[in-house]
Amino acid sequence: MPQPPETPALRALRVRLGATLQHLETVDAALALAEQTAKTGDPRQPLLKALAVQGKYETLQVPAQQARAFTNFSRGENLELALLAVAAHFLSYLRAVLPPVHRSRPLVSLLAGAGAGEIEWDRLLQRFEGRGGIAELIGAVLEDTGIQLDPDIGRQAHAYLAMRDLYLYNGGLVDEEFAKLHGETWNVQPGHKLPKHLKLGRTAIRAVERLAVSLDAALRPLLGE
């Protein structure tokens, strides 16, 4: 069965998301191997020696028995950076696809306050990089174009994008707003730390990709393609 056509912007997004997932899994696999290797020798020897890695790694001169603490921390950082990248990739997709949409269907509410003259899209969309900005941006696009998306697809993607917001603006701690919207899904209360694991990263990437695919299919008729 032939696949539906996609915009070049969506194809580029798929490539970026695939690369992010590959990096996420590669780092996770390397951390798992480091844990396994560190267990095979003297737990008191330096972790760097236990891993038999050549190079000047100043922070790995701790006892090998601390390997699990190191790898757990790195897994968390790996997941956090992946979510930040996913949000950045999705914004890049919107930067590419919205200008031609606007030429066909003026994005009136999105451009409110932009002033007359040539639109500086990069500067315009920068205002949506803050907390809750991506959801606001998509809402404006839907309002201006009149298209509709599956609310479940949007809700799932926005949950992970909201996690990205907490990492950037609240130190990764759940606040009242996140708990109200997504607390039951993640079984978290205000003040809790967000979960961090590989499966969450995979699910986030796929959820944002599904949102982009749905949005792309809805916007294509406005592009005259």
Protein backbone atom coordinates (compact mmCIF):
# COMPACT_ATOMS: atom_id res chain seq x y z
CA MET A 1 0.00 0.00 0.00
CA PRO A 2 1.57 3.33 -1.04
CA GLN A 3 2.49 5.74 1.72
CA PRO A 4 0.76 9.15 1.76
CA PRO A 5 2.89 12.01 0.45
CA GLU A 6 4.84 14.11 2.91
CA THR A 7 6.32 17.58 2.82
CA PRO A 8 10.12 17.90 2.65
CA ALA A 9 9.87 19.45 6.12
CA LEU A 10 8.31 16.28 7.53
CA ARG A 11 10.89 14.06 5.84
CA ALA A 12 13.65 16.17 7.37
CA LEU A 13 11.97 15.91 10.78
CA ARG A 14 11.81 12.13 10.50
CA VAL A 15 15.55 12.02 9.81
CA ARG A 16 16.32 14.23 12.81
CA LEU A 17 14.07 12.25 15.14
CA GLY A 18 15.63 9.01 13.92
CA ALA A 19 19.10 10.35 14.65
CA THR A 20 18.03 11.44 18.13
CA LEU A 21 16.61 7.98 18.85
CA GLN A 22 19.80 6.35 17.58
CA HIS A 23 21.90 8.55 19.87
CA LEU A 24 19.58 7.87 22.81
CA GLU A 25 19.88 4.11 22.35
CA THR A 26 23.62 4.17 21.62
CA VAL A 27 24.39 6.02 24.83
CA ASP A 28 22.06 3.78 26.83
CA ALA A 29 23.73 0.66 25.41
CA ALA A 30 27.19 2.07 26.20
CA LEU A 31 26.11 2.77 29.78
CA ALA A 32 24.75 -0.78 30.15
CA LEU A 33 28.06 -2.16 28.87
CA ALA A 34 29.98 0.05 31.29
CA GLU A 35 27.91 -1.29 34.20
CA GLN A 36 28.53 -4.89 33.17
CA THR A 37 32.24 -4.35 32.66
CA ALA A 38 32.71 -2.55 35.97
CA LYS A 39 31.29 -5.57 37.83
CA THR A 40 33.89 -8.00 36.52
CA GLY A 41 36.94 -6.75 38.45
CA ASP A 42 37.99 -5.33 41.78
CA PRO A 43 35.22 -2.92 42.87
CA ARG A 44 37.84 -0.72 44.56
CA GLN A 45 39.88 -0.05 41.43
CA PRO A 46 39.27 3.17 39.49
CA LEU A 47 36.27 3.00 37.22
CA LEU A 48 38.40 4.12 34.28
CA LYS A 49 40.75 1.17 34.82
CA ALA A 50 37.85 -1.24 35.18
CA LEU A 51 36.47 -0.09 31.84
CA ALA A 52 39.90 -0.48 30.19
CA VAL A 53 39.40 2.75 28.27
CA GLN A 54 42.35 4.80 27.10
CA GLY A 55 42.12 8.54 27.54
CA LYS A 56 42.12 11.31 30.07
CA TYR A 57 38.74 11.09 31.81
CA GLU A 58 39.22 13.03 35.02
CA THR A 59 35.81 12.28 36.53
CA LEU A 60 36.13 8.49 36.11
CA GLN A 61 38.86 8.03 38.71
CA VAL A 62 36.25 6.97 41.28
CA PRO A 63 35.96 3.38 42.59
CA ALA A 64 34.34 0.97 40.12
CA GLN A 65 31.69 0.17 42.72
CA GLN A 66 30.20 3.62 42.04
CA ALA A 67 29.57 2.77 38.38
CA ARG A 68 25.82 2.33 38.80
CA ALA A 69 25.40 5.78 40.33
CA PHE A 70 27.34 7.29 37.41
CA THR A 71 25.38 5.43 34.75
CA ASN A 72 22.02 6.21 36.33
CA PHE A 73 22.85 9.90 36.33
CA SER A 74 23.99 9.74 32.70
CA ARG A 75 20.83 7.91 31.64
CA GLY A 76 18.79 10.73 33.12
CA GLU A 77 20.85 13.36 31.34
CA ASN A 78 20.60 11.37 28.11
CA LEU A 79 16.80 11.31 28.31
CA GLU A 80 16.57 14.98 29.22
CA LEU A 81 18.74 16.04 26.28
CA ALA A 82 16.72 13.82 23.95
CA LEU A 83 13.47 15.54 24.93
CA LEU A 84 15.06 18.94 24.43
CA ALA A 85 16.23 17.84 20.98
CA VAL A 86 12.81 16.46 20.04
CA ALA A 87 11.15 19.79 20.83
CA ALA A 88 13.81 21.67 18.86
CA HIS A 89 13.34 19.37 15.86
CA PHE A 90 9.58 19.86 15.94
CA LEU A 91 9.97 23.64 16.04
CA SER A 92 12.34 23.41 13.06
CA TYR A 93 9.64 21.49 11.19
CA LEU A 94 7.11 24.24 11.93
CA ARG A 95 9.57 26.92 10.83
CA ALA A 96 9.87 25.17 7.48
CA VAL A 97 6.21 24.35 6.84
CA LEU A 98 4.38 27.44 8.13
CA PRO A 99 5.62 30.10 5.65
CA PRO A 100 4.17 28.30 2.59
CA VAL A 101 0.97 27.60 4.53
CA HIS A 102 0.69 31.32 5.27
CA ARG A 103 0.98 32.17 1.57
CA SER A 104 -2.05 30.00 0.91
CA ARG A 105 -4.04 30.61 4.10
CA PRO A 106 -2.98 33.73 6.06
CA LEU A 107 -2.16 32.84 9.65
CA VAL A 108 -3.88 35.86 11.11
CA SER A 109 -3.91 35.07 14.83
CA LEU A 110 -0.41 33.60 14.71
CA LEU A 111 0.94 36.79 13.16
CA ALA A 112 -0.97 39.17 15.40
CA GLY A 113 1.37 41.96 16.43
CA ALA A 114 4.01 41.02 13.87
CA GLY A 115 3.55 44.31 12.04
CA ALA A 116 3.56 45.03 8.34
CA GLY A 117 6.23 44.12 5.86
CA GLU A 118 8.21 40.96 5.33
CA ILE A 119 7.73 38.38 8.05
CA GLU A 120 10.83 37.32 9.96
CA TRP A 121 9.73 33.79 10.72
CA ASP A 122 12.69 32.84 12.87
CA ARG A 123 12.16 35.83 15.15
CA LEU A 124 8.39 35.34 15.12
CA LEU A 125 8.58 31.71 16.24
CA GLN A 126 11.17 32.42 18.89
CA ARG A 127 8.40 33.69 21.09
CA PHE A 128 6.93 30.18 21.15
CA GLU A 129 10.11 28.56 22.45
CA GLY A 130 9.16 29.30 26.06
CA ARG A 131 7.05 27.22 28.39
CA GLY A 132 3.81 26.05 26.78
CA GLY A 133 4.78 27.83 23.59
CA ILE A 134 4.62 24.86 21.24
CA ALA A 135 1.07 23.98 22.30
CA GLU A 136 0.11 27.65 21.89
CA LEU A 137 1.71 27.75 18.45
CA ILE A 138 -0.14 24.66 17.26
CA GLY A 139 -3.37 26.05 18.67
CA ALA A 140 -2.92 29.25 16.66
CA VAL A 141 -2.23 27.28 13.48
CA LEU A 142 -5.35 25.17 13.97
CA GLU A 143 -7.43 28.29 14.61
CA ASP A 144 -6.13 30.07 11.52
CA THR A 145 -6.40 27.13 9.14
CA GLY A 146 -9.55 25.51 10.48
CA ILE A 147 -7.98 22.05 10.32
CA GLN A 148 -8.68 19.45 12.98
CA LEU A 149 -6.38 16.85 14.54
CA ASP A 150 -7.05 13.77 16.60
CA PRO A 151 -7.10 15.18 20.16
CA ASP A 152 -5.49 12.01 21.56
CA ILE A 153 -2.50 12.41 19.25
CA GLY A 154 -2.08 16.01 20.33
CA ARG A 155 -2.51 15.23 24.01
CA GLN A 156 0.14 12.50 23.97
CA ALA A 157 2.71 14.66 22.19
CA HIS A 158 2.02 17.70 24.38
CA ALA A 159 2.63 15.63 27.51
CA TYR A 160 6.23 15.00 26.45
CA LEU A 161 6.74 18.54 25.24
CA ALA A 162 5.51 19.70 28.66
CA MET A 163 8.21 17.51 30.23
CA ARG A 164 10.76 19.36 28.15
CA ASP A 165 9.40 22.62 29.56
CA LEU A 166 9.89 21.40 33.14
CA TYR A 167 13.51 20.48 32.45
CA LEU A 168 14.15 23.93 31.06
CA TYR A 169 12.16 26.04 33.49
CA ASN A 170 11.61 24.06 36.70
CA GLY A 171 14.66 21.88 37.22
CA GLY A 172 12.80 18.76 36.13
CA LEU A 173 10.38 18.96 39.06
CA VAL A 174 6.65 18.52 38.60
CA ASP A 175 4.64 21.66 39.35
CA GLU A 176 0.94 22.30 39.87
CA GLU A 177 0.21 22.88 36.19
CA PHE A 178 1.90 19.69 35.00
CA ALA A 179 0.37 17.63 37.80
CA LYS A 180 -3.11 18.90 36.92
CA LEU A 181 -2.76 18.03 33.23
CA HIS A 182 -0.58 14.91 33.32
CA GLY A 183 -0.24 13.83 36.94
CA GLU A 184 -2.46 10.77 36.62
CA THR A 185 -0.67 9.58 33.49
CA TRP A 186 2.75 9.65 35.17
CA ASN A 187 1.58 9.08 38.76
CA VAL A 188 3.36 12.22 39.94
CA GLN A 189 2.51 15.03 42.33
CA PRO A 190 3.89 18.59 42.57
CA GLY A 191 7.49 18.45 43.75
CA HIS A 192 8.12 14.97 42.33
CA LYS A 193 10.95 14.38 39.88
CA LEU A 194 10.02 13.42 36.36
CA PRO A 195 10.67 9.82 35.31
CA LYS A 196 13.76 9.26 33.18
CA HIS A 197 14.28 6.07 31.20
CA LEU A 198 14.89 4.85 27.67
CA LYS A 199 11.32 3.69 27.04
CA LEU A 200 10.01 7.17 27.84
CA GLY A 201 12.41 8.67 25.30
CA ARG A 202 11.33 6.26 22.59
CA THR A 203 7.66 6.91 23.31
CA ALA A 204 8.19 10.67 23.28
CA ILE A 205 9.90 10.58 19.89
CA ARG A 206 7.13 8.47 18.39
CA ALA A 207 4.39 10.61 19.91
CA VAL A 208 5.83 13.84 18.50
CA GLU A 209 6.39 12.16 15.14
CA ARG A 210 2.74 11.04 15.04
CA LEU A 211 1.66 14.61 15.78
CA ALA A 212 3.84 15.92 12.96
CA VAL A 213 2.53 13.31 10.52
CA SER A 214 -1.07 14.19 11.39
CA LEU A 215 -0.40 17.92 11.13
CA ASP A 216 1.49 17.50 7.86
CA ALA A 217 -1.35 15.55 6.27
CA ALA A 218 -3.85 18.23 7.31
CA LEU A 219 -1.67 21.10 6.04
CA ARG A 220 -0.70 19.64 2.66
CA PRO A 221 -3.94 20.66 0.90
CA LEU A 222 -3.14 24.25 1.85
CA LEU A 223 0.22 24.03 0.12
CA GLY A 224 -1.19 23.31 -3.32
CA GLU A 225 0.80 20.07 -3.56
